[in-house]
Each structure stands twice: as structure tokens, then as C-alpha cells.
Amino acid sequence: MRVKVVAAALAVLMSAALPASADPQLRVLGTYESGLFNVGGAEIPTYDPLTRRAFVVNAGSATVDVLDLSDPSSPTKVRSLDIVADLAPRSVGAANSLDTRFGILAVAVEADPKQDDGYIAFYSTITLRLLGVAPAGALPDMITFSENGLYVLTANEGEPDTTYTNDPEGTVTIVDLLRLGQHGFSRTVRFTDFNVGGPRNAELPSAVRIYGPGASVAQDLEPEYITTDGETAWVTLQENNAIAVIDLK
């Protein structure tokens, strides 16, 4: 599994302007209110076409709201998934991100305390039953399926505590769904080779921002968002102004 870190440059790609007649027209079809403003709230959504349901992270709590969108003008709450209860006796904090593919919902869940390694919870979008749990790195942030649905990836931010006394490494977790629960079905990509004195430290571009007090490169790299074409993953290292490129093969 080959990993490369490159300095990020901001580029905006713009296609030819559409004619006025082709401008998209947007209008509100329906809304849903979580009712938890300033406590929780609707944050990250994903849509499952098999069930015509939306799954929404309720920010500030370890729950996921399930909404029936069969009538998009009137979204209706089906129930909430209680991640804390479902993952007990594990100590978990907030649900951070989710994604769906082929009837499976994957939820990135941070531990409590969040500097500990987190989890990925898998649910059926049809029955809403917990299917399994996979280990993830510290503070799994964004989660995504590969297009073919064979893999799930999380960007594990590894954010330090406020005093930097506990600063876990930023990592990326890759789960092979065909081997869920078997030995080696979940793998963690680490950046320790890029540490000072590591075998690949010389490959780290000088523009990559490493600044945390007393932090190694692996501790300071903080994966935030991730996308993949199934063979390669691109991971934003937001605080470092960089992108990690991972060869999934």
C-alpha cells in the first residue's frame, strides 16, 4: 500500500458558462427540523435510493436520524439510531460522518475520549439493525464507500487535546467489506515513515505545514476529507495544507 504526501495548491476549474436558458432552477421541496438547535442538529446527510431514506448525523450526539423521503415535500422521521447503545460496552462519543451504498449504512464514530481509536458502525438501511463494527483510527472524520461498494475508508483526524498532552497520529482506515469480521479485514494506513529519521522523510515536500508543539509528522498530519476512485484515495490534510495520495492496491 503506497502512500504519498504532496503540497496542496488551490486550483479552480471552470467550464464554459452555460447559456442563460440552461441555468439551474432550485426550489425547496421540503424541510426537516431536528429540534435540537444549539444542542445537536442536522449535519452530515446521505441518501439511500433502495429505501428512499435519508440518514442524517445529529451533531453533538451519537445518534443518526432516519428520514422517510418517499414524499420529498414532507420528510418524516422514522427513528433515530442510538450509536451509544448499539456499540455498548464500547465507550463512544459523537457520530461524525456517514455514507451509504447498496443497502448498507456506514457511520464514523469517535471514541470517548476522542483521542482514543474510534469505530465504524455498519447498519442495514432496510431493517436498521447493526450489522457489525470495525476499528478505526483516532477521531474518524469523513467516511466514504468506494464506488463498487467493496471498501469503506475513513479519514482519521487524530486531533490533539487542548494542551497537546495527548496528540494521536492522523491515519486512514480501509475496511474490506467482503472480509468483514475476518482477520485483517480492517487496515490502518499510517504516516510514520515520513517522521524525522523515517525512511521516507526526504519525500515530504517542504511546503507541508508541520507546526504542532513537539509533534511528529505522523501526529501533526490530520486527515479530514477523503475521496476515491476505488484504486487511489485522495485525503485532505487540512491543517497541513497538503493532500495524501494512497494507492489502495
C-alpha atoms as a PDB file:
ATOM      1  CA  MET A   1       0.000   0.000   0.000  1.00  0.00           C
ATOM      2  CA  ARG A   2       1.821   3.085  -1.251  1.00  0.00           C
ATOM      3  CA  VAL A   3       1.296   6.477   0.389  1.00  0.00           C
ATOM      4  CA  LYS A   4       2.476   9.827  -0.916  1.00  0.00           C
ATOM      5  CA  VAL A   5       2.087  13.281   0.598  1.00  0.00           C
ATOM      6  CA  VAL A   6       2.034  16.294  -1.691  1.00  0.00           C
ATOM      7  CA  ALA A   7       1.702  20.007  -1.024  1.00  0.00           C
ATOM      8  CA  ALA A   8      -1.727  21.271  -1.965  1.00  0.00           C
ATOM      9  CA  ALA A   9      -2.313  24.134  -4.377  1.00  0.00           C
ATOM     10  CA  LEU A  10      -5.698  25.746  -4.760  1.00  0.00           C
ATOM     11  CA  ALA A  11      -6.989  25.349  -8.299  1.00  0.00           C
ATOM     12  CA  VAL A  12     -10.381  26.311  -9.631  1.00  0.00           C
ATOM     13  CA  LEU A  13     -11.541  24.561 -12.790  1.00  0.00           C
ATOM     14  CA  MET A  14     -14.307  26.393 -14.592  1.00  0.00           C
ATOM     15  CA  SER A  15     -16.177  25.147 -17.618  1.00  0.00           C
ATOM     16  CA  ALA A  16     -17.615  27.453 -20.273  1.00  0.00           C
ATOM     17  CA  ALA A  17     -20.504  29.489 -18.928  1.00  0.00           C
ATOM     18  CA  LEU A  18     -23.888  27.940 -19.543  1.00  0.00           C
ATOM     19  CA  PRO A  19     -26.360  29.905 -21.595  1.00  0.00           C
ATOM     20  CA  ALA A  20     -28.937  31.754 -19.519  1.00  0.00           C
ATOM     21  CA  SER A  21     -31.656  29.362 -20.637  1.00  0.00           C
ATOM     22  CA  ALA A  22     -29.729  26.435 -19.111  1.00  0.00           C
ATOM     23  CA  ASP A  23     -29.251  27.962 -15.660  1.00  0.00           C
ATOM     24  CA  PRO A  24     -30.365  25.514 -12.964  1.00  0.00           C
ATOM     25  CA  GLN A  25     -33.512  26.415 -11.097  1.00  0.00           C
ATOM     26  CA  LEU A  26     -33.622  25.409  -7.433  1.00  0.00           C
ATOM     27  CA  ARG A  27     -36.621  25.365  -5.141  1.00  0.00           C
ATOM     28  CA  VAL A  28     -37.308  23.915  -1.718  1.00  0.00           C
ATOM     29  CA  LEU A  29     -39.357  20.713  -1.821  1.00  0.00           C
ATOM     30  CA  GLY A  30     -39.484  20.067   1.897  1.00  0.00           C
ATOM     31  CA  THR A  31     -37.606  20.521   5.161  1.00  0.00           C
ATOM     32  CA  TYR A  32     -36.971  18.618   8.366  1.00  0.00           C
ATOM     33  CA  GLU A  33     -36.029  20.168  11.699  1.00  0.00           C
ATOM     34  CA  SER A  34     -34.092  18.137  14.258  1.00  0.00           C
ATOM     35  CA  GLY A  35     -35.432  20.272  17.083  1.00  0.00           C
ATOM     36  CA  LEU A  36     -32.045  20.349  18.810  1.00  0.00           C
ATOM     37  CA  PHE A  37     -30.645  23.717  17.739  1.00  0.00           C
ATOM     38  CA  ASN A  38     -27.652  24.734  19.915  1.00  0.00           C
ATOM     39  CA  VAL A  39     -27.595  21.206  21.370  1.00  0.00           C
ATOM     40  CA  GLY A  40     -27.311  18.959  18.344  1.00  0.00           C
ATOM     41  CA  GLY A  41     -28.622  19.478  14.844  1.00  0.00           C
ATOM     42  CA  ALA A  42     -28.663  18.048  11.340  1.00  0.00           C
ATOM     43  CA  GLU A  43     -25.113  17.984   9.973  1.00  0.00           C
ATOM     44  CA  ILE A  44     -23.957  15.284   7.510  1.00  0.00           C
ATOM     45  CA  PRO A  45     -26.623  13.637   5.297  1.00  0.00           C
ATOM     46  CA  THR A  46     -26.601  10.691   2.926  1.00  0.00           C
ATOM     47  CA  TYR A  47     -29.377   9.215   0.796  1.00  0.00           C
ATOM     48  CA  ASP A  48     -30.251   5.560   0.195  1.00  0.00           C
ATOM     49  CA  PRO A  49     -32.202   5.075  -3.066  1.00  0.00           C
ATOM     50  CA  LEU A  50     -33.178   1.499  -2.118  1.00  0.00           C
ATOM     51  CA  THR A  51     -35.332   2.654   0.782  1.00  0.00           C
ATOM     52  CA  ARG A  52     -35.810   6.296  -0.234  1.00  0.00           C
ATOM     53  CA  ARG A  53     -34.468   7.231   3.171  1.00  0.00           C
ATOM     54  CA  ALA A  54     -32.091   9.958   4.237  1.00  0.00           C
ATOM     55  CA  PHE A  55     -29.704   9.330   7.113  1.00  0.00           C
ATOM     56  CA  VAL A  56     -28.541  12.421   8.977  1.00  0.00           C
ATOM     57  CA  VAL A  57     -25.848  12.797  11.634  1.00  0.00           C
ATOM     58  CA  ASN A  58     -27.312  14.565  14.631  1.00  0.00           C
ATOM     59  CA  ALA A  59     -24.346  16.769  15.541  1.00  0.00           C
ATOM     60  CA  GLY A  60     -23.367  16.868  19.183  1.00  0.00           C
ATOM     61  CA  SER A  61     -24.834  13.462  19.932  1.00  0.00           C
ATOM     62  CA  ALA A  62     -24.084   9.899  18.958  1.00  0.00           C
ATOM     63  CA  THR A  63     -27.308   9.481  17.012  1.00  0.00           C
ATOM     64  CA  VAL A  64     -28.371   9.268  13.375  1.00  0.00           C
ATOM     65  CA  ASP A  65     -31.832  10.434  12.332  1.00  0.00           C
ATOM     66  CA  VAL A  66     -33.587   8.276   9.722  1.00  0.00           C
ATOM     67  CA  LEU A  67     -35.931  10.222   7.449  1.00  0.00           C
ATOM     68  CA  ASP A  68     -38.518   8.838   5.011  1.00  0.00           C
ATOM     69  CA  LEU A  69     -38.255  10.816   1.760  1.00  0.00           C
ATOM     70  CA  SER A  70     -40.806   8.856  -0.248  1.00  0.00           C
ATOM     71  CA  ASP A  71     -42.725  12.145  -0.251  1.00  0.00           C
ATOM     72  CA  PRO A  72     -39.899  14.705  -0.535  1.00  0.00           C
ATOM     73  CA  SER A  73     -42.308  17.562   0.172  1.00  0.00           C
ATOM     74  CA  SER A  74     -42.871  16.123   3.646  1.00  0.00           C
ATOM     75  CA  PRO A  75     -39.815  14.381   5.136  1.00  0.00           C
ATOM     76  CA  THR A  76     -40.863  12.148   8.015  1.00  0.00           C
ATOM     77  CA  LYS A  77     -38.641  10.884  10.811  1.00  0.00           C
ATOM     78  CA  VAL A  78     -38.704   7.095  11.037  1.00  0.00           C
ATOM     79  CA  ARG A  79     -36.488   6.744  14.116  1.00  0.00           C
ATOM     80  CA  SER A  80     -33.049   7.599  15.474  1.00  0.00           C
ATOM     81  CA  LEU A  81     -30.160   5.167  15.637  1.00  0.00           C
ATOM     82  CA  ASP A  82     -28.660   5.240  19.147  1.00  0.00           C
ATOM     83  CA  ILE A  83     -24.958   4.656  18.471  1.00  0.00           C
ATOM     84  CA  VAL A  84     -24.040   4.688  22.177  1.00  0.00           C
ATOM     85  CA  ALA A  85     -26.463   1.881  22.998  1.00  0.00           C
ATOM     86  CA  ASP A  86     -25.712  -0.126  19.857  1.00  0.00           C
ATOM     87  CA  LEU A  87     -21.927  -0.084  20.385  1.00  0.00           C
ATOM     88  CA  ALA A  88     -22.018  -0.751  24.135  1.00  0.00           C
ATOM     89  CA  PRO A  89     -19.947  -1.618  26.125  1.00  0.00           C
ATOM     90  CA  ARG A  90     -17.533   0.385  23.949  1.00  0.00           C
ATOM     91  CA  SER A  91     -17.095   3.983  25.108  1.00  0.00           C
ATOM     92  CA  VAL A  92     -18.149   6.177  22.190  1.00  0.00           C
ATOM     93  CA  GLY A  93     -18.699   9.871  21.620  1.00  0.00           C
ATOM     94  CA  ALA A  94     -20.262  11.624  18.644  1.00  0.00           C
ATOM     95  CA  ALA A  95     -21.149  10.225  15.244  1.00  0.00           C
ATOM     96  CA  ASN A  96     -19.102  12.314  12.806  1.00  0.00           C
ATOM     97  CA  SER A  97     -19.944  11.170   9.284  1.00  0.00           C
ATOM     98  CA  LEU A  98     -21.856   8.574   7.283  1.00  0.00           C
ATOM     99  CA  ASP A  99     -22.302   7.137   3.818  1.00  0.00           C
ATOM    100  CA  THR A 100     -24.492   4.507   2.136  1.00  0.00           C
ATOM    101  CA  ARG A 101     -24.066   2.016  -0.659  1.00  0.00           C
ATOM    102  CA  PHE A 102     -26.172  -0.989  -1.729  1.00  0.00           C
ATOM    103  CA  GLY A 103     -28.335  -1.065   1.390  1.00  0.00           C
ATOM    104  CA  ILE A 104     -25.512  -0.604   3.897  1.00  0.00           C
ATOM    105  CA  LEU A 105     -25.069   2.453   6.091  1.00  0.00           C
ATOM    106  CA  ALA A 106     -21.566   3.125   7.439  1.00  0.00           C
ATOM    107  CA  VAL A 107     -21.153   5.550  10.358  1.00  0.00           C
ATOM    108  CA  ALA A 108     -17.841   7.011  11.561  1.00  0.00           C
ATOM    109  CA  VAL A 109     -17.914   7.186  15.363  1.00  0.00           C
ATOM    110  CA  GLU A 110     -15.338   8.809  17.618  1.00  0.00           C
ATOM    111  CA  ALA A 111     -14.356   7.267  20.942  1.00  0.00           C
ATOM    112  CA  ASP A 112     -14.735   8.869  24.358  1.00  0.00           C
ATOM    113  CA  PRO A 113     -12.211  10.367  24.925  1.00  0.00           C
ATOM    114  CA  LYS A 114     -11.931  11.231  21.256  1.00  0.00           C
ATOM    115  CA  GLN A 115      -8.140  10.852  21.203  1.00  0.00           C
ATOM    116  CA  ASP A 116      -8.663   7.072  21.542  1.00  0.00           C
ATOM    117  CA  ASP A 117      -9.192   4.913  18.460  1.00  0.00           C
ATOM    118  CA  GLY A 118     -12.717   5.166  17.083  1.00  0.00           C
ATOM    119  CA  TYR A 119     -15.095   2.853  15.252  1.00  0.00           C
ATOM    120  CA  ILE A 120     -17.092   2.282  12.082  1.00  0.00           C
ATOM    121  CA  ALA A 121     -20.638   1.024  12.654  1.00  0.00           C
ATOM    122  CA  PHE A 122     -22.451  -0.776   9.820  1.00  0.00           C
ATOM    123  CA  TYR A 123     -26.257  -0.863   9.615  1.00  0.00           C
ATOM    124  CA  SER A 124     -28.832  -2.244   7.215  1.00  0.00           C
ATOM    125  CA  THR A 125     -30.695   0.657   5.604  1.00  0.00           C
ATOM    126  CA  ILE A 126     -33.742  -1.614   5.371  1.00  0.00           C
ATOM    127  CA  THR A 127     -34.023  -3.177   8.831  1.00  0.00           C
ATOM    128  CA  LEU A 128     -31.898  -0.508  10.610  1.00  0.00           C
ATOM    129  CA  ARG A 129     -30.178  -3.324  12.504  1.00  0.00           C
ATOM    130  CA  LEU A 130     -26.496  -3.145  13.428  1.00  0.00           C
ATOM    131  CA  LEU A 131     -24.569  -5.467  11.100  1.00  0.00           C
ATOM    132  CA  GLY A 132     -21.071  -5.120  12.536  1.00  0.00           C
ATOM    133  CA  VAL A 133     -18.393  -2.834  13.934  1.00  0.00           C
ATOM    134  CA  ALA A 134     -14.892  -2.199  12.586  1.00  0.00           C
ATOM    135  CA  PRO A 135     -11.989  -0.475  14.340  1.00  0.00           C
ATOM    136  CA  ALA A 136     -10.838   2.912  13.059  1.00  0.00           C
ATOM    137  CA  GLY A 137      -8.117   5.370  13.975  1.00  0.00           C
ATOM    138  CA  ALA A 138      -8.431   8.276  16.371  1.00  0.00           C
ATOM    139  CA  LEU A 139     -11.299  10.660  15.618  1.00  0.00           C
ATOM    140  CA  PRO A 140     -12.621   9.199  12.352  1.00  0.00           C
ATOM    141  CA  ASP A 141     -13.964  12.191  10.473  1.00  0.00           C
ATOM    142  CA  MET A 142     -15.207  11.675   6.918  1.00  0.00           C
ATOM    143  CA  ILE A 143     -16.252   8.195   5.782  1.00  0.00           C
ATOM    144  CA  THR A 144     -16.883   7.032   2.211  1.00  0.00           C
ATOM    145  CA  PHE A 145     -17.563   3.877   0.213  1.00  0.00           C
ATOM    146  CA  SER A 146     -15.643   3.031  -2.896  1.00  0.00           C
ATOM    147  CA  GLU A 147     -17.896   3.232  -5.955  1.00  0.00           C
ATOM    148  CA  ASN A 148     -18.156  -0.561  -6.214  1.00  0.00           C
ATOM    149  CA  GLY A 149     -19.092  -0.826  -2.541  1.00  0.00           C
ATOM    150  CA  LEU A 150     -16.227  -3.199  -1.705  1.00  0.00           C
ATOM    151  CA  TYR A 151     -14.314  -0.847   0.554  1.00  0.00           C
ATOM    152  CA  VAL A 152     -15.072   1.731   3.216  1.00  0.00           C
ATOM    153  CA  LEU A 153     -12.490   4.389   4.040  1.00  0.00           C
ATOM    154  CA  THR A 154     -12.273   6.854   6.910  1.00  0.00           C
ATOM    155  CA  ALA A 155     -10.061   9.896   7.329  1.00  0.00           C
ATOM    156  CA  ASN A 156      -8.980   9.699  10.976  1.00  0.00           C
ATOM    157  CA  GLU A 157      -8.133  13.234  12.064  1.00  0.00           C
ATOM    158  CA  GLY A 158      -6.152  12.362  15.199  1.00  0.00           C
ATOM    159  CA  GLU A 159      -6.798  15.808  16.659  1.00  0.00           C
ATOM    160  CA  PRO A 160      -4.873  16.621  19.880  1.00  0.00           C
ATOM    161  CA  ASP A 161      -6.432  17.691  23.142  1.00  0.00           C
ATOM    162  CA  THR A 162      -6.329  21.379  24.025  1.00  0.00           C
ATOM    163  CA  THR A 163      -2.984  21.082  25.834  1.00  0.00           C
ATOM    164  CA  TYR A 164      -1.272  18.838  23.255  1.00  0.00           C
ATOM    165  CA  THR A 165      -0.534  16.320  26.021  1.00  0.00           C
ATOM    166  CA  ASN A 166      -2.478  13.710  24.064  1.00  0.00           C
ATOM    167  CA  ASP A 167      -1.843  14.014  20.333  1.00  0.00           C
ATOM    168  CA  PRO A 168      -2.689  10.796  18.458  1.00  0.00           C
ATOM    169  CA  GLU A 169      -1.446  10.147  14.934  1.00  0.00           C
ATOM    170  CA  GLY A 170      -3.588  11.007  11.956  1.00  0.00           C
ATOM    171  CA  THR A 171      -4.365   7.881   9.924  1.00  0.00           C
ATOM    172  CA  VAL A 172      -6.634   6.415   7.241  1.00  0.00           C
ATOM    173  CA  THR A 173      -8.654   3.228   7.808  1.00  0.00           C
ATOM    174  CA  ILE A 174      -9.575   0.889   4.935  1.00  0.00           C
ATOM    175  CA  VAL A 175     -12.212  -1.811   5.514  1.00  0.00           C
ATOM    176  CA  ASP A 176     -12.649  -4.744   3.129  1.00  0.00           C
ATOM    177  CA  LEU A 177     -16.396  -5.448   3.349  1.00  0.00           C
ATOM    178  CA  LEU A 178     -16.096  -8.867   1.715  1.00  0.00           C
ATOM    179  CA  ARG A 179     -13.968  -9.947   4.685  1.00  0.00           C
ATOM    180  CA  LEU A 180     -15.904  -8.105   7.418  1.00  0.00           C
ATOM    181  CA  GLY A 181     -15.097  -9.692  10.760  1.00  0.00           C
ATOM    182  CA  GLN A 182     -12.256 -11.839   9.407  1.00  0.00           C
ATOM    183  CA  HIS A 183      -8.602 -11.395  10.316  1.00  0.00           C
ATOM    184  CA  GLY A 184      -7.121  -8.348   8.595  1.00  0.00           C
ATOM    185  CA  PHE A 185     -10.436  -7.040   7.232  1.00  0.00           C
ATOM    186  CA  SER A 186      -9.585  -3.565   8.569  1.00  0.00           C
ATOM    187  CA  ARG A 187      -6.228  -1.934   7.883  1.00  0.00           C
ATOM    188  CA  THR A 188      -4.793   1.364   9.038  1.00  0.00           C
ATOM    189  CA  VAL A 189      -2.551   3.490   6.828  1.00  0.00           C
ATOM    190  CA  ARG A 190      -0.018   5.412   8.937  1.00  0.00           C
ATOM    191  CA  PHE A 191       2.382   8.232   8.135  1.00  0.00           C
ATOM    192  CA  THR A 192       5.221   7.286  10.489  1.00  0.00           C
ATOM    193  CA  ASP A 193       7.626   6.693   7.578  1.00  0.00           C
ATOM    194  CA  PHE A 194       7.546  10.463   6.978  1.00  0.00           C
ATOM    195  CA  ASN A 195       8.718  11.283  10.523  1.00  0.00           C
ATOM    196  CA  VAL A 196      12.139  12.849  11.026  1.00  0.00           C
ATOM    197  CA  GLY A 197      14.590   9.966  10.755  1.00  0.00           C
ATOM    198  CA  GLY A 198      11.995   7.837   8.930  1.00  0.00           C
ATOM    199  CA  PRO A 199      12.779   6.103   5.621  1.00  0.00           C
ATOM    200  CA  ARG A 200      10.566   8.482   3.602  1.00  0.00           C
ATOM    201  CA  ASN A 201      11.103  11.762   5.437  1.00  0.00           C
ATOM    202  CA  ALA A 202      13.040  13.168   2.465  1.00  0.00           C
ATOM    203  CA  GLU A 203       9.922  12.718   0.284  1.00  0.00           C
ATOM    204  CA  LEU A 204       7.880  15.111   2.421  1.00  0.00           C
ATOM    205  CA  PRO A 205       7.550  18.397   0.487  1.00  0.00           C
ATOM    206  CA  SER A 206       8.883  21.389   2.379  1.00  0.00           C
ATOM    207  CA  ALA A 207       5.578  23.230   1.859  1.00  0.00           C
ATOM    208  CA  VAL A 208       3.697  20.700   4.007  1.00  0.00           C
ATOM    209  CA  ARG A 209       2.921  22.568   7.231  1.00  0.00           C
ATOM    210  CA  ILE A 210       4.174  20.759  10.359  1.00  0.00           C
ATOM    211  CA  TYR A 211       3.710  23.004  13.362  1.00  0.00           C
ATOM    212  CA  GLY A 212       2.289  21.210  16.430  1.00  0.00           C
ATOM    213  CA  PRO A 213       4.381  21.661  19.606  1.00  0.00           C
ATOM    214  CA  GLY A 214       6.581  18.601  19.966  1.00  0.00           C
ATOM    215  CA  ALA A 215       4.550  16.700  17.382  1.00  0.00           C
ATOM    216  CA  SER A 216       5.980  14.216  14.913  1.00  0.00           C
ATOM    217  CA  VAL A 217       4.947  14.394  11.266  1.00  0.00           C
ATOM    218  CA  ALA A 218       2.536  11.480  11.771  1.00  0.00           C
ATOM    219  CA  GLN A 219       0.977  13.201  14.790  1.00  0.00           C
ATOM    220  CA  ASP A 220       0.657  16.519  13.015  1.00  0.00           C
ATOM    221  CA  LEU A 221      -0.910  15.250   9.771  1.00  0.00           C
ATOM    222  CA  GLU A 222      -4.672  15.433  10.296  1.00  0.00           C
ATOM    223  CA  PRO A 223      -6.774  13.676   7.601  1.00  0.00           C
ATOM    224  CA  GLU A 224     -10.083  15.477   7.210  1.00  0.00           C
ATOM    225  CA  TYR A 225     -11.851  14.554   3.946  1.00  0.00           C
ATOM    226  CA  ILE A 226     -11.414  11.665   1.559  1.00  0.00           C
ATOM    227  CA  THR A 227     -12.448  10.607  -1.940  1.00  0.00           C
ATOM    228  CA  THR A 228     -11.575   7.567  -4.015  1.00  0.00           C
ATOM    229  CA  ASP A 229     -11.987   6.018  -7.448  1.00  0.00           C
ATOM    230  CA  GLY A 230     -11.513   2.527  -5.988  1.00  0.00           C
ATOM    231  CA  GLU A 231      -7.804   2.315  -6.793  1.00  0.00           C
ATOM    232  CA  THR A 232      -6.488   5.575  -5.361  1.00  0.00           C
ATOM    233  CA  ALA A 233      -7.619   7.646  -2.397  1.00  0.00           C
ATOM    234  CA  TRP A 234      -7.003  11.373  -2.031  1.00  0.00           C
ATOM    235  CA  VAL A 235      -7.100  12.669   1.525  1.00  0.00           C
ATOM    236  CA  THR A 236      -7.038  16.323   2.541  1.00  0.00           C
ATOM    237  CA  LEU A 237      -4.694  17.118   5.411  1.00  0.00           C
ATOM    238  CA  GLN A 238      -6.478  20.348   6.215  1.00  0.00           C
ATOM    239  CA  GLU A 239      -4.275  21.849   8.924  1.00  0.00           C
ATOM    240  CA  ASN A 240      -1.162  20.935   6.951  1.00  0.00           C
ATOM    241  CA  ASN A 241      -2.148  22.467   3.595  1.00  0.00           C
ATOM    242  CA  ALA A 242      -1.469  19.128   1.934  1.00  0.00           C
ATOM    243  CA  ILE A 243      -3.064  16.112   0.272  1.00  0.00           C
ATOM    244  CA  ALA A 244      -2.130  12.478   0.923  1.00  0.00           C
ATOM    245  CA  VAL A 245      -2.325  10.151  -2.082  1.00  0.00           C
ATOM    246  CA  ILE A 246      -2.864   6.466  -1.213  1.00  0.00           C
ATOM    247  CA  ASP A 247      -2.516   3.555  -3.609  1.00  0.00           C
ATOM    248  CA  LEU A 248      -5.247   1.211  -2.370  1.00  0.00           C
ATOM    249  CA  LYS A 249      -3.893  -1.731  -4.347  1.00  0.00           C
END
